[in-house]
Amino acid sequence: MTLDTLKPGESGIIVSVGGVGALRRHLLDMGLTPKTAVRVRKVAPMGDPIELFLRGYVLTLRKEDAANIVVEKENAK
């Protein structure tokens, strides 16, 4: 599944980061690297952008960019 399909409150582990060239490099530079835990905090009223929590900080990302990130959903505890 991709990061843009997670609902608010759901978490996952990044499996791979897609995209090409500068987009991929930009996503990796923001800390969206494989094996990183990420949680969706909020989704804007119109569905774009989404607010994520990872590595101790909050990141807002366009849904289009989040679709390039493959995650493995964590089970609710």
C-alpha atoms as a PDB file:
ATOM      1  CA  MET A   1       0.000   0.000   0.000  1.00  0.00           C
ATOM      2  CA  THR A   2       1.130   3.584  -0.427  1.00  0.00           C
ATOM      3  CA  LEU A   3       1.413   6.348   2.153  1.00  0.00           C
ATOM      4  CA  ASP A   4      -1.471   8.335   0.677  1.00  0.00           C
ATOM      5  CA  THR A   5      -3.905   5.477   1.467  1.00  0.00           C
ATOM      6  CA  LEU A   6      -3.322   5.544   5.247  1.00  0.00           C
ATOM      7  CA  LYS A   7      -6.074   7.188   7.290  1.00  0.00           C
ATOM      8  CA  PRO A   8      -5.496   9.660  10.147  1.00  0.00           C
ATOM      9  CA  GLY A   9      -4.174   7.824  13.203  1.00  0.00           C
ATOM     10  CA  GLU A  10      -2.788   4.904  11.189  1.00  0.00           C
ATOM     11  CA  SER A  11       0.909   4.065  11.139  1.00  0.00           C
ATOM     12  CA  GLY A  12       3.244   2.240   8.850  1.00  0.00           C
ATOM     13  CA  ILE A  13       6.855   1.453   8.067  1.00  0.00           C
ATOM     14  CA  ILE A  14       8.309   2.803   4.824  1.00  0.00           C
ATOM     15  CA  VAL A  15       9.302  -0.056   2.511  1.00  0.00           C
ATOM     16  CA  SER A  16      10.503   1.898  -0.526  1.00  0.00           C
ATOM     17  CA  VAL A  17      10.574   5.406  -1.944  1.00  0.00           C
ATOM     18  CA  GLY A  18       9.653   5.837  -5.603  1.00  0.00           C
ATOM     19  CA  GLY A  19       9.751   8.867  -7.815  1.00  0.00           C
ATOM     20  CA  VAL A  20      12.429   9.918 -10.245  1.00  0.00           C
ATOM     21  CA  GLY A  21      15.411  12.238  -9.967  1.00  0.00           C
ATOM     22  CA  ALA A  22      14.912  15.372  -7.904  1.00  0.00           C
ATOM     23  CA  LEU A  23      11.555  14.252  -6.451  1.00  0.00           C
ATOM     24  CA  ARG A  24      13.018  11.027  -5.039  1.00  0.00           C
ATOM     25  CA  ARG A  25      16.072  12.860  -3.681  1.00  0.00           C
ATOM     26  CA  HIS A  26      13.818  15.468  -2.045  1.00  0.00           C
ATOM     27  CA  LEU A  27      11.660  12.805  -0.354  1.00  0.00           C
ATOM     28  CA  LEU A  28      14.749  11.021   0.972  1.00  0.00           C
ATOM     29  CA  ASP A  29      16.261  14.315   2.192  1.00  0.00           C
ATOM     30  CA  MET A  30      13.083  15.004   4.206  1.00  0.00           C
ATOM     31  CA  GLY A  31      13.658  11.761   6.140  1.00  0.00           C
ATOM     32  CA  LEU A  32      11.291   9.515   4.220  1.00  0.00           C
ATOM     33  CA  THR A  33      13.714   6.606   4.031  1.00  0.00           C
ATOM     34  CA  PRO A  34      13.092   2.853   4.076  1.00  0.00           C
ATOM     35  CA  LYS A  35      12.492   1.271   7.523  1.00  0.00           C
ATOM     36  CA  THR A  36      11.283   4.597   8.980  1.00  0.00           C
ATOM     37  CA  ALA A  37       8.095   4.568  11.067  1.00  0.00           C
ATOM     38  CA  VAL A  38       5.520   7.124   9.962  1.00  0.00           C
ATOM     39  CA  ARG A  39       2.078   8.057  11.326  1.00  0.00           C
ATOM     40  CA  VAL A  40      -0.640  10.062   9.579  1.00  0.00           C
ATOM     41  CA  ARG A  41      -1.737  12.838  11.948  1.00  0.00           C
ATOM     42  CA  LYS A  42      -4.246  14.766   9.837  1.00  0.00           C
ATOM     43  CA  VAL A  43      -5.648  15.072   6.351  1.00  0.00           C
ATOM     44  CA  ALA A  44      -6.785  18.450   5.023  1.00  0.00           C
ATOM     45  CA  PRO A  45     -10.565  18.861   4.519  1.00  0.00           C
ATOM     46  CA  MET A  46     -10.267  18.487   0.739  1.00  0.00           C
ATOM     47  CA  GLY A  47      -7.924  15.492   1.163  1.00  0.00           C
ATOM     48  CA  ASP A  48      -4.675  17.213   0.219  1.00  0.00           C
ATOM     49  CA  PRO A  49      -2.120  17.721   1.821  1.00  0.00           C
ATOM     50  CA  ILE A  50      -1.561  15.161   4.572  1.00  0.00           C
ATOM     51  CA  GLU A  51       0.284  15.775   7.833  1.00  0.00           C
ATOM     52  CA  LEU A  52       2.735  13.083   8.942  1.00  0.00           C
ATOM     53  CA  PHE A  53       4.736  12.439  12.100  1.00  0.00           C
ATOM     54  CA  LEU A  54       8.121  10.785  11.643  1.00  0.00           C
ATOM     55  CA  ARG A  55      11.564  10.953  13.244  1.00  0.00           C
ATOM     56  CA  GLY A  56      10.233  13.267  15.968  1.00  0.00           C
ATOM     57  CA  TYR A  57       8.895  15.998  13.676  1.00  0.00           C
ATOM     58  CA  VAL A  58       5.779  16.870  11.698  1.00  0.00           C
ATOM     59  CA  LEU A  59       5.901  16.916   7.898  1.00  0.00           C
ATOM     60  CA  THR A  60       3.199  18.065   5.508  1.00  0.00           C
ATOM     61  CA  LEU A  61       3.241  16.303   2.154  1.00  0.00           C
ATOM     62  CA  ARG A  62       1.122  16.511  -0.986  1.00  0.00           C
ATOM     63  CA  LYS A  63      -0.961  13.418  -1.606  1.00  0.00           C
ATOM     64  CA  GLU A  64       0.573  13.133  -5.089  1.00  0.00           C
ATOM     65  CA  ASP A  65       4.056  12.831  -3.553  1.00  0.00           C
ATOM     66  CA  ALA A  66       2.879  10.452  -0.814  1.00  0.00           C
ATOM     67  CA  ALA A  67       1.652   8.090  -3.537  1.00  0.00           C
ATOM     68  CA  ASN A  68       5.328   7.442  -4.425  1.00  0.00           C
ATOM     69  CA  ILE A  69       6.066   5.963  -0.985  1.00  0.00           C
ATOM     70  CA  VAL A  70       5.282   2.287  -0.359  1.00  0.00           C
ATOM     71  CA  VAL A  71       4.507   1.444   3.276  1.00  0.00           C
ATOM     72  CA  GLU A  72       3.680  -1.646   5.281  1.00  0.00           C
ATOM     73  CA  LYS A  73       0.779  -0.867   7.590  1.00  0.00           C
ATOM     74  CA  GLU A  74       1.386  -1.488  11.284  1.00  0.00           C
ATOM     75  CA  ASN A  75      -1.258  -3.388  13.193  1.00  0.00           C
ATOM     76  CA  ALA A  76      -3.205  -1.418  15.772  1.00  0.00           C
ATOM     77  CA  LYS A  77      -2.142  -2.266  19.310  1.00  0.00           C
END
